[in-house]
Structure formats: structure tokens, C-alpha cells
Amino acid sequence: MPGVATAEHPADLLARPYWYRHLPSGQDVHRLDNGLYAVTGNAAVQEALAHPEIVAEHPLKASARAFGPNVLDADGPNHRAFRALLAPALSAGRVAEYKRTLMPGLVDALVESLAGIETDDFYDSFAHKIPYGIVCTILGIDPSLEDRFHKLTRPLARLLDYPTEETEQTHANVTELLRLIEEQRAATTVGEQSLLETIERTRDRKGISLTDSEVRSTALLFFLAGTETSSAFITSLVYCMGRGIFGLGELADEDVRDAFVEEVLRLYPPVQTIVRFAVEDVEIQGVRVPRHSAVAASIAGANRDPRVFEHPDRFQPGRSLKGSIPFAVGSHACPGALLAKTEFSLLVEKLVERCSDIVITRDRLGVESQSFAHPTGFSVEFKNKQEKRM
């Protein structure tokens, strides 16, 4: 039985960047206070996330209270049913269609707004533009309402944290977002169809017992998680491009670009910690975890495990990424991974085409470790390729 690893309150520990580094080395499963177990090693994290008796569902989770039945908080047949609803919007064919028709305009608009400027506010002012543009289209929201959608949605990210930050305002925001979606749907021109309606048709065809409001709630929560994950990771991506690890021009090569994105994903997974619950007594890497325990699995720790990745803190594109799990593993592994990677690769490609260089001009080396992890406290300059020629 592992001993208590720290006198620190678990909530305070998990709020610290790279919290797994503050636990004793040489063990992967740590018993903390308040019935919480922290899992940090790569093999242990993968085992915990794939274990059938370690589940996402818990009646007291704030996200379940705010959104009702949903894909993030369900397990077993209900979870499979929710994923089946989302599958049409996330298929390889649909993602290819997005890449042809939806993403280019959003990416070009963002890159055009960045070229030639320096900003210390990349995350708040720019990083959300592409993911929120995609999601507003999927949910049938008028693009002119994107900023309002973003302002209502971003505070809800704290519903997914451990510890949860739940307020009357977060519940009010959920209500307003669902009202907005319904209002936009009612205003849709006859013959137009959003992908939300595609999801509802899938429900009807498969005979899944969910009401329209439950479908909209789970779609909203899923895409909330997706947009905030993407916003955080786009911030990490730009930060790594600006650190000058190697020449920007090298990223014009698709293979190099893909390796770059994968290595940023390993080092800066936007979801650093996933909390699950043991419904029965289980063992993780030979350590007993009693039923009803909360299990905090560190994706960040798994992706920097020195037993799996040589020099794990070193940025090294092209390394073997076997064991890298930025999108988690098991039944709850992110179904939007292909959409996200396509979005990221296209953004890097367009930034390389438009900018002569991207430079971090100020760096306080800060990291937001909750509400979707990303570097903070930096300024970045996007040097305009056209200005250089002049």
C-alpha cells in the first residue's frame, strides 16, 4: 500500500503545474488524502484509463449536473451511444470536407490578423478563433455571434477541472447557450442543415433514447471541451514555434510539420489530468485502489516518463512517440483527435507561408495547468514575410 505522498491538500497539489513532479519518484500510484489516488507513470496511466472498473460517471460531477447526460460523463452502453451520435461529425470524410471548405477561410483570417504584429495576449485574443469558428458552424451558430458564444463558453471550462468551480453563473451560461442554439436553429433557412441536426438524425436512425435537449446538451459539452482543448494547444504550438528550436522554414515540409505537432502534443497535452472513479476495488500496477476512490491520471506525467522517452523534457521532433497519449486512451479517448490534428497542421502550414519568423519576445515561463493547459506570460511577434522583402 503506498503511503501518503504529500501533506499538501490534493486540490492544491493538482492545481500546480507539472504536479506529478512533486510526488516521490520510484512509484507510479500515490495515495493522497480524501480518498484520492494520483497515477503518474506511463504504463500506470494507460492501465488506469483503460480499466473497465475505473469510470468517468459520478452522480456529483458538476458537468453532469450542469449538462445532464453527456458523452464525457457516461460509461458503457450510454457512452457508446453518445459517441455514435458524434461519429458523423468527426469521421475522416467529414474532416477532409472541413479541411477543404471550412478550415482554410478561418485559418487564413487568423494568420492575416497575426502577420506583422506582436502580442502578449495570444491565448485570449487569437487562439480561439479557429476552433470556435468550426464549432459555431457545426452547431449552426451565426458567425457574427462567435464572440458571444466564446464569452459564454470559456468560463464553463472550470466545470471540467478538479476541483470543480461551479457557480450560479456557470449554470446560467449553460442555459443561455442552449437557448442561443435553439434560437439559431429556429432561424435557419429551410433546406439548410447544421451538423447538430445530423446528430439528431443519427439518434433517430439508431433508436437512441435521448431527447432533443439532451442531444444538444451533450453536443455543447463535447464541443466545449474540444474548442478549449484546441485553443490551449494552439497557444502551445505558437509558443514552441516562437522558441526558435529550429528554422521556421523547415516546417514547410509536411513530414517535419507533422512530427513537430506530435512532439508539441507530447510535451504540452492540453488536458494534463483526467479524473476517474473506481467503482470496485482495483489494482493499478499491482497497487490496490479501494472502491469509491477518485483516480487522478496525469497525462503530462505519462508523456514525460523517462522510462518511455529518453530526455523526456527535451523538445525532439522525430523521436519515437510510442506511448505518447495526448488524447488519452481507452473508451474515453478523444474522438476528435483527427479533426484537431488537421486543424493544427493547416495552421502551422499557413503561418510558415505568411511569416518570415515567429519570435518569443518575452517569456515568464508560466503554465496554466488547469482549465486546459498552455504556456502563459509570454509575448510573441509574427514577422511579416512581405515586410522582410521590402
Protein backbone atom coordinates (compact mmCIF):
# COMPACT_ATOMS: atom_id res chain seq x y z
CA MET A 1 0.00 0.00 0.00
CA PRO A 2 1.58 3.34 -0.99
CA GLY A 3 1.99 5.88 1.76
CA VAL A 4 0.58 9.38 1.84
CA ALA A 5 2.82 11.20 -0.60
CA THR A 6 2.36 14.78 0.50
CA ALA A 7 0.88 16.84 3.30
CA GLU A 8 -0.44 19.25 0.69
CA HIS A 9 -4.20 19.26 0.10
CA PRO A 10 -4.89 17.27 -3.09
CA ALA A 11 -6.75 20.16 -4.72
CA ASP A 12 -3.76 22.46 -4.12
CA LEU A 13 -1.35 19.85 -5.43
CA LEU A 14 -3.29 19.23 -8.65
CA ALA A 15 -3.54 22.97 -9.30
CA ARG A 16 0.26 23.20 -9.56
CA PRO A 17 1.89 22.97 -12.99
CA TYR A 18 3.56 19.60 -13.51
CA TRP A 19 2.14 18.43 -10.18
CA TYR A 20 3.39 14.88 -10.74
CA ARG A 21 6.95 16.14 -10.19
CA HIS A 22 6.10 16.96 -6.57
CA LEU A 23 5.36 13.31 -5.72
CA PRO A 24 8.01 10.77 -4.68
CA SER A 25 9.95 9.23 -7.54
CA GLY A 26 10.15 5.49 -7.86
CA GLN A 27 6.41 4.85 -7.64
CA ASP A 28 3.55 5.41 -10.07
CA VAL A 29 0.48 5.19 -7.83
CA HIS A 30 0.27 7.59 -4.89
CA ARG A 31 -2.35 7.62 -2.14
CA LEU A 32 -3.21 11.18 -1.19
CA ASP A 33 -5.79 12.45 1.28
CA ASN A 34 -9.57 12.50 0.83
CA GLY A 35 -9.76 9.17 -0.98
CA LEU A 36 -7.75 10.39 -3.97
CA TYR A 37 -5.12 8.35 -5.79
CA ALA A 38 -2.65 10.03 -8.15
CA VAL A 39 -1.35 7.97 -11.07
CA THR A 40 1.76 9.30 -12.81
CA GLY A 41 3.79 6.70 -14.75
CA ASN A 42 3.08 5.97 -18.41
CA ALA A 43 2.09 2.33 -18.02
CA ALA A 44 0.08 3.06 -14.88
CA VAL A 45 -1.82 5.93 -16.50
CA GLN A 46 -2.68 3.84 -19.55
CA GLU A 47 -3.80 0.96 -17.32
CA ALA A 48 -5.99 3.25 -15.20
CA LEU A 49 -7.66 4.95 -18.18
CA ALA A 50 -8.39 1.63 -19.89
CA HIS A 51 -9.56 -0.23 -16.77
CA PRO A 52 -13.25 -1.23 -17.02
CA GLU A 53 -13.83 -0.63 -13.30
CA ILE A 54 -12.38 2.90 -13.35
CA VAL A 55 -15.10 5.08 -14.82
CA ALA A 56 -15.97 8.65 -15.72
CA GLU A 57 -19.51 8.64 -14.36
CA HIS A 58 -20.21 10.07 -10.91
CA PRO A 59 -23.56 11.50 -9.72
CA LEU A 60 -21.96 14.52 -8.07
CA LYS A 61 -19.87 15.70 -11.04
CA ALA A 62 -20.61 19.33 -11.81
CA SER A 63 -20.55 18.78 -15.57
CA ALA A 64 -23.27 16.12 -15.26
CA ARG A 65 -25.37 18.42 -13.07
CA ALA A 66 -24.99 21.32 -15.49
CA PHE A 67 -25.41 19.47 -18.79
CA GLY A 68 -27.36 16.34 -17.89
CA PRO A 69 -26.50 13.01 -19.57
CA ASN A 70 -23.47 13.55 -21.80
CA VAL A 71 -20.59 11.85 -23.58
CA LEU A 72 -17.88 12.95 -21.14
CA ASP A 73 -19.60 11.64 -18.02
CA ALA A 74 -21.23 8.44 -19.28
CA ASP A 75 -19.85 4.89 -19.41
CA GLY A 76 -20.76 1.58 -21.00
CA PRO A 77 -23.74 1.47 -23.42
CA ASN A 78 -24.69 5.10 -22.76
CA HIS A 79 -21.18 6.26 -23.61
CA ARG A 80 -21.12 4.20 -26.79
CA ALA A 81 -24.49 5.65 -27.78
CA PHE A 82 -23.25 9.22 -27.30
CA ARG A 83 -20.11 8.52 -29.34
CA ALA A 84 -22.24 7.03 -32.11
CA LEU A 85 -24.16 10.31 -32.24
CA LEU A 86 -20.96 12.33 -32.68
CA ALA A 87 -19.31 9.97 -35.17
CA PRO A 88 -20.83 11.54 -38.33
CA ALA A 89 -19.42 14.96 -37.41
CA LEU A 90 -15.93 13.56 -36.76
CA SER A 91 -15.45 10.94 -39.48
CA ALA A 92 -12.41 11.01 -41.76
CA GLY A 93 -14.62 12.02 -44.68
CA ARG A 94 -16.18 14.88 -42.74
CA VAL A 95 -12.79 16.10 -41.52
CA ALA A 96 -11.49 16.06 -45.11
CA GLU A 97 -14.52 18.14 -46.07
CA TYR A 98 -13.79 20.62 -43.27
CA LYS A 99 -10.21 20.90 -44.49
CA ARG A 100 -11.41 21.78 -48.00
CA THR A 101 -14.32 24.05 -47.22
CA LEU A 102 -14.34 25.33 -43.65
CA MET A 103 -10.83 25.48 -42.21
CA PRO A 104 -9.00 27.47 -44.96
CA GLY A 105 -11.05 30.62 -44.51
CA LEU A 106 -10.78 30.51 -40.72
CA VAL A 107 -7.03 29.79 -40.77
CA ASP A 108 -6.31 32.44 -43.40
CA ALA A 109 -8.27 35.06 -41.46
CA LEU A 110 -6.35 34.30 -38.25
CA VAL A 111 -2.95 34.28 -39.95
CA GLU A 112 -3.72 37.54 -41.75
CA SER A 113 -4.61 39.19 -38.42
CA LEU A 114 -1.35 37.98 -36.87
CA ALA A 115 1.15 38.79 -39.61
CA GLY A 116 3.29 41.78 -38.65
CA ILE A 117 2.10 42.16 -35.06
CA GLU A 118 3.45 41.49 -31.58
CA THR A 119 1.02 40.41 -28.87
CA ASP A 120 1.15 39.46 -25.20
CA ASP A 121 -2.44 38.24 -25.37
CA PHE A 122 -2.34 35.42 -27.90
CA TYR A 123 -4.41 32.94 -25.87
CA ASP A 124 -7.30 35.26 -25.03
CA SER A 125 -7.46 37.25 -28.26
CA PHE A 126 -6.46 34.85 -31.04
CA ALA A 127 -6.16 31.17 -30.10
CA HIS A 128 -9.89 30.52 -30.00
CA LYS A 129 -10.70 31.91 -33.45
CA ILE A 130 -10.31 28.70 -35.47
CA PRO A 131 -11.82 26.14 -33.05
CA TYR A 132 -14.77 28.38 -32.21
CA GLY A 133 -15.36 29.13 -35.87
CA ILE A 134 -15.52 25.40 -36.58
CA VAL A 135 -17.82 24.66 -33.67
CA CYS A 136 -20.18 27.55 -34.39
CA THR A 137 -20.59 26.14 -37.89
CA ILE A 138 -21.18 22.63 -36.56
CA LEU A 139 -23.80 23.85 -34.10
CA GLY A 140 -25.45 26.14 -36.64
CA ILE A 141 -24.49 29.39 -34.89
CA ASP A 142 -24.25 32.56 -36.97
CA PRO A 143 -20.53 33.51 -37.26
CA SER A 144 -21.37 37.02 -36.09
CA LEU A 145 -22.24 35.51 -32.69
CA GLU A 146 -18.90 33.73 -32.31
CA ASP A 147 -17.50 36.18 -29.75
CA ARG A 148 -20.66 35.95 -27.64
CA PHE A 149 -20.55 32.17 -27.86
CA HIS A 150 -16.90 32.25 -26.79
CA LYS A 151 -17.55 34.56 -23.81
CA LEU A 152 -20.39 32.37 -22.58
CA THR A 153 -18.49 29.14 -23.11
CA ARG A 154 -14.99 29.77 -21.75
CA PRO A 155 -15.97 30.05 -18.06
CA LEU A 156 -17.62 26.64 -18.33
CA ALA A 157 -14.21 25.04 -18.72
CA ARG A 158 -13.86 25.22 -14.95
CA LEU A 159 -16.73 22.76 -14.63
CA LEU A 160 -14.36 20.13 -16.02
CA ASP A 161 -11.49 20.81 -13.60
CA TYR A 162 -10.57 19.06 -10.40
CA PRO A 163 -11.52 20.71 -8.13
CA THR A 164 -14.58 21.97 -9.94
CA GLU A 165 -15.50 25.63 -9.86
CA GLU A 166 -19.29 25.65 -10.04
CA THR A 167 -21.33 28.82 -9.64
CA GLU A 168 -24.77 30.15 -10.43
CA GLN A 169 -23.15 31.93 -13.36
CA THR A 170 -21.89 28.71 -14.95
CA HIS A 171 -25.39 27.23 -14.83
CA ALA A 172 -26.83 30.47 -16.24
CA ASN A 173 -24.29 30.32 -19.09
CA VAL A 174 -25.33 26.77 -19.97
CA THR A 175 -28.97 27.84 -20.10
CA GLU A 176 -28.16 30.84 -22.27
CA LEU A 177 -26.01 28.81 -24.68
CA LEU A 178 -28.74 26.21 -25.15
CA ARG A 179 -31.27 28.99 -25.71
CA LEU A 180 -28.95 30.55 -28.28
CA ILE A 181 -28.57 27.27 -30.14
CA GLU A 182 -32.35 26.75 -30.23
CA GLU A 183 -32.92 30.33 -31.38
CA GLN A 184 -30.40 29.93 -34.19
CA ARG A 185 -31.93 26.65 -35.23
CA ALA A 186 -35.39 28.20 -35.42
CA ALA A 187 -33.98 30.96 -37.66
CA THR A 188 -32.30 28.50 -40.05
CA THR A 189 -33.38 28.86 -43.66
CA VAL A 190 -35.47 25.98 -44.96
CA GLY A 191 -33.17 23.44 -46.63
CA GLU A 192 -30.11 24.38 -44.56
CA GLN A 193 -28.94 21.80 -42.05
CA SER A 194 -26.37 22.05 -39.29
CA LEU A 195 -24.39 19.07 -38.16
CA LEU A 196 -26.36 19.20 -34.93
CA GLU A 197 -29.35 18.13 -36.99
CA THR A 198 -27.20 15.36 -38.48
CA ILE A 199 -26.53 14.17 -34.95
CA GLU A 200 -30.26 14.16 -34.21
CA ARG A 201 -30.98 12.18 -37.37
CA THR A 202 -28.35 9.65 -36.27
CA ARG A 203 -30.15 9.34 -32.94
CA ASP A 204 -33.46 8.67 -34.68
CA ARG A 205 -31.95 6.16 -37.11
CA LYS A 206 -30.18 4.22 -34.34
CA GLY A 207 -33.14 4.38 -31.96
CA ILE A 208 -31.15 6.04 -29.15
CA SER A 209 -33.40 7.22 -26.32
CA LEU A 210 -32.31 10.82 -25.91
CA THR A 211 -34.46 13.94 -26.15
CA ASP A 212 -33.56 16.88 -28.40
CA SER A 213 -32.45 18.87 -25.35
CA GLU A 214 -30.19 16.01 -24.16
CA VAL A 215 -28.63 15.76 -27.62
CA ARG A 216 -27.94 19.50 -27.67
CA SER A 217 -26.54 19.45 -24.14
CA THR A 218 -24.09 16.64 -24.85
CA ALA A 219 -23.08 18.20 -28.18
CA LEU A 220 -22.48 21.53 -26.45
CA LEU A 221 -20.37 19.98 -23.69
CA PHE A 222 -18.37 17.86 -26.11
CA PHE A 223 -17.60 20.78 -28.39
CA LEU A 224 -16.84 23.00 -25.38
CA ALA A 225 -14.17 20.51 -24.38
CA GLY A 226 -12.92 20.36 -27.97
CA THR A 227 -12.72 24.10 -28.51
CA GLU A 228 -10.96 24.83 -25.24
CA THR A 229 -8.56 21.94 -25.81
CA SER A 230 -7.73 23.29 -29.26
CA SER A 231 -7.38 26.88 -28.04
CA ALA A 232 -4.93 25.78 -25.38
CA PHE A 233 -2.93 23.64 -27.76
CA ILE A 234 -2.77 26.29 -30.49
CA THR A 235 -1.22 28.53 -27.83
CA SER A 236 1.37 25.84 -27.05
CA LEU A 237 2.01 25.32 -30.76
CA VAL A 238 2.71 29.00 -31.41
CA TYR A 239 4.83 29.20 -28.26
CA CYS A 240 7.03 26.32 -29.48
CA MET A 241 7.30 27.83 -32.96
CA GLY A 242 8.43 31.08 -31.36
CA ARG A 243 11.11 29.47 -29.20
CA GLY A 244 13.28 29.07 -32.32
CA ILE A 245 14.03 25.42 -31.70
CA PHE A 246 14.73 25.11 -35.41
CA GLY A 247 14.15 27.21 -38.51
CA LEU A 248 10.57 28.10 -39.37
CA GLY A 249 11.16 27.15 -42.99
CA GLU A 250 11.72 23.50 -42.04
CA LEU A 251 8.03 23.30 -41.15
CA ALA A 252 7.10 23.75 -44.80
CA ASP A 253 7.83 20.04 -45.16
CA GLU A 254 4.67 18.08 -44.27
CA ASP A 255 6.52 15.23 -42.56
CA VAL A 256 8.55 17.66 -40.43
CA ARG A 257 5.39 19.60 -39.64
CA ASP A 258 3.53 16.51 -38.51
CA ALA A 259 6.46 15.41 -36.32
CA PHE A 260 6.59 18.92 -34.83
CA VAL A 261 2.88 18.87 -33.96
CA GLU A 262 3.17 15.41 -32.40
CA GLU A 263 6.11 16.45 -30.23
CA VAL A 264 4.28 19.58 -29.03
CA LEU A 265 1.31 17.34 -28.19
CA ARG A 266 3.61 15.09 -26.14
CA LEU A 267 5.19 17.94 -24.21
CA TYR A 268 2.10 20.14 -23.85
CA PRO A 269 -1.01 17.94 -23.75
CA PRO A 270 -3.85 20.45 -23.27
CA VAL A 271 -5.58 18.15 -20.78
CA GLN A 272 -2.90 17.37 -18.20
CA THR A 273 -5.04 15.49 -15.68
CA ILE A 274 -8.05 13.20 -16.08
CA VAL A 275 -10.11 12.30 -13.01
CA ARG A 276 -11.90 8.95 -12.88
CA PHE A 277 -13.63 6.90 -10.15
CA ALA A 278 -13.11 3.30 -9.02
CA VAL A 279 -16.46 1.51 -8.83
CA GLU A 280 -14.84 -1.62 -7.35
CA ASP A 281 -11.56 -2.46 -5.65
CA VAL A 282 -8.96 -2.49 -8.42
CA GLU A 283 -5.22 -2.84 -8.85
CA ILE A 284 -3.08 -0.46 -10.90
CA GLN A 285 0.44 -1.74 -11.50
CA GLY A 286 -0.03 -4.04 -8.52
CA VAL A 287 -1.23 -1.30 -6.15
CA ARG A 288 -4.68 -1.73 -4.61
CA VAL A 289 -7.09 1.16 -5.11
CA PRO A 290 -10.25 0.80 -2.99
CA ARG A 291 -13.71 1.22 -4.46
CA HIS A 292 -15.16 4.75 -4.44
CA SER A 293 -11.68 6.27 -4.70
CA ALA A 294 -11.07 9.13 -7.10
CA VAL A 295 -8.20 8.47 -9.51
CA ALA A 296 -6.26 11.42 -10.96
CA ALA A 297 -4.33 10.20 -14.00
CA SER A 298 -1.54 12.51 -15.17
CA ILE A 299 -1.35 12.65 -18.96
CA ALA A 300 1.50 15.14 -18.59
CA GLY A 301 3.41 12.72 -16.36
CA ALA A 302 2.81 9.80 -18.70
CA ASN A 303 4.11 11.82 -21.65
CA ARG A 304 7.32 12.75 -19.82
CA ASP A 305 8.06 9.36 -18.29
CA PRO A 306 11.86 8.86 -18.63
CA ARG A 307 11.35 5.09 -18.87
CA VAL A 308 9.48 5.64 -22.14
CA PHE A 309 11.02 8.84 -23.54
CA GLU A 310 14.76 9.48 -23.41
CA HIS A 311 15.42 13.04 -22.18
CA PRO A 312 11.66 13.50 -21.75
CA ASP A 313 11.77 17.28 -21.19
CA ARG A 314 13.75 17.86 -24.38
CA PHE A 315 11.90 19.06 -27.48
CA GLN A 316 12.91 16.45 -30.04
CA PRO A 317 10.68 16.16 -33.14
CA GLY A 318 11.05 12.85 -34.95
CA ARG A 319 11.56 10.79 -31.79
CA SER A 320 9.53 7.60 -31.37
CA LEU A 321 6.18 8.60 -29.96
CA LYS A 322 5.07 5.14 -28.93
CA GLY A 323 3.49 5.73 -25.54
CA SER A 324 2.56 9.39 -26.15
CA ILE A 325 -1.11 9.75 -25.17
CA PRO A 326 -2.13 13.42 -25.56
CA PHE A 327 -5.69 12.38 -26.47
CA ALA A 328 -5.87 9.76 -23.67
CA VAL A 329 -6.57 6.05 -24.19
CA GLY A 330 -9.41 3.65 -23.54
CA SER A 331 -13.10 4.09 -24.27
CA HIS A 332 -12.95 7.82 -23.49
CA ALA A 333 -10.03 8.59 -25.82
CA CYS A 334 -10.82 11.81 -27.68
CA PRO A 335 -12.85 11.05 -30.85
CA GLY A 336 -11.94 14.48 -32.24
CA ALA A 337 -8.19 13.78 -32.50
CA LEU A 338 -8.18 13.68 -36.31
CA LEU A 339 -10.10 16.95 -36.55
CA ALA A 340 -7.72 18.60 -34.09
CA LYS A 341 -4.52 17.41 -35.79
CA THR A 342 -5.81 18.51 -39.21
CA GLU A 343 -6.59 21.95 -37.81
CA PHE A 344 -3.17 22.27 -36.16
CA SER A 345 -1.19 21.15 -39.19
CA LEU A 346 -3.02 23.54 -41.51
CA LEU A 347 -2.41 26.45 -39.13
CA VAL A 348 1.34 25.75 -38.98
CA GLU A 349 1.47 25.43 -42.77
CA LYS A 350 -0.21 28.81 -43.29
CA LEU A 351 1.88 30.56 -40.64
CA VAL A 352 5.04 29.35 -42.38
CA GLU A 353 3.76 30.62 -45.72
CA ARG A 354 2.88 34.06 -44.35
CA CYS A 355 5.55 34.77 -41.73
CA SER A 356 9.30 35.10 -42.12
CA ASP A 357 9.75 34.28 -38.44
CA ILE A 358 7.85 33.84 -35.19
CA VAL A 359 9.73 35.01 -32.11
CA ILE A 360 9.01 34.87 -28.38
CA THR A 361 9.98 38.38 -27.26
CA ARG A 362 9.16 37.99 -23.56
CA ASP A 363 8.79 34.79 -21.59
CA ARG A 364 7.95 34.41 -17.91
CA LEU A 365 7.85 30.60 -18.32
CA GLY A 366 4.36 30.39 -16.87
CA VAL A 367 1.98 27.48 -17.38
CA GLU A 368 -1.77 27.32 -16.85
CA SER A 369 -2.22 23.76 -15.64
CA GLN A 370 -5.99 23.73 -15.23
CA SER A 371 -8.85 24.75 -17.49
CA PHE A 372 -6.79 23.26 -20.33
CA ALA A 373 -3.05 23.63 -20.04
CA HIS A 374 -0.94 26.08 -22.06
CA PRO A 375 2.06 28.41 -21.65
CA THR A 376 1.31 31.82 -20.14
CA GLY A 377 3.14 35.09 -19.56
CA PHE A 378 4.78 35.37 -22.97
CA SER A 379 4.75 37.83 -25.85
CA VAL A 380 5.13 36.69 -29.44
CA GLU A 381 5.94 38.55 -32.65
CA PHE A 382 4.80 37.33 -36.06
CA LYS A 383 7.22 38.83 -38.56
CA ASN A 384 5.60 39.56 -41.89
CA LYS A 385 7.31 37.86 -44.85
CA GLN A 386 6.21 40.68 -47.17
CA GLU A 387 7.78 43.32 -44.91
CA LYS A 388 11.09 41.43 -44.97
CA ARG A 389 11.17 41.56 -48.78
CA MET A 390 10.64 45.32 -48.70
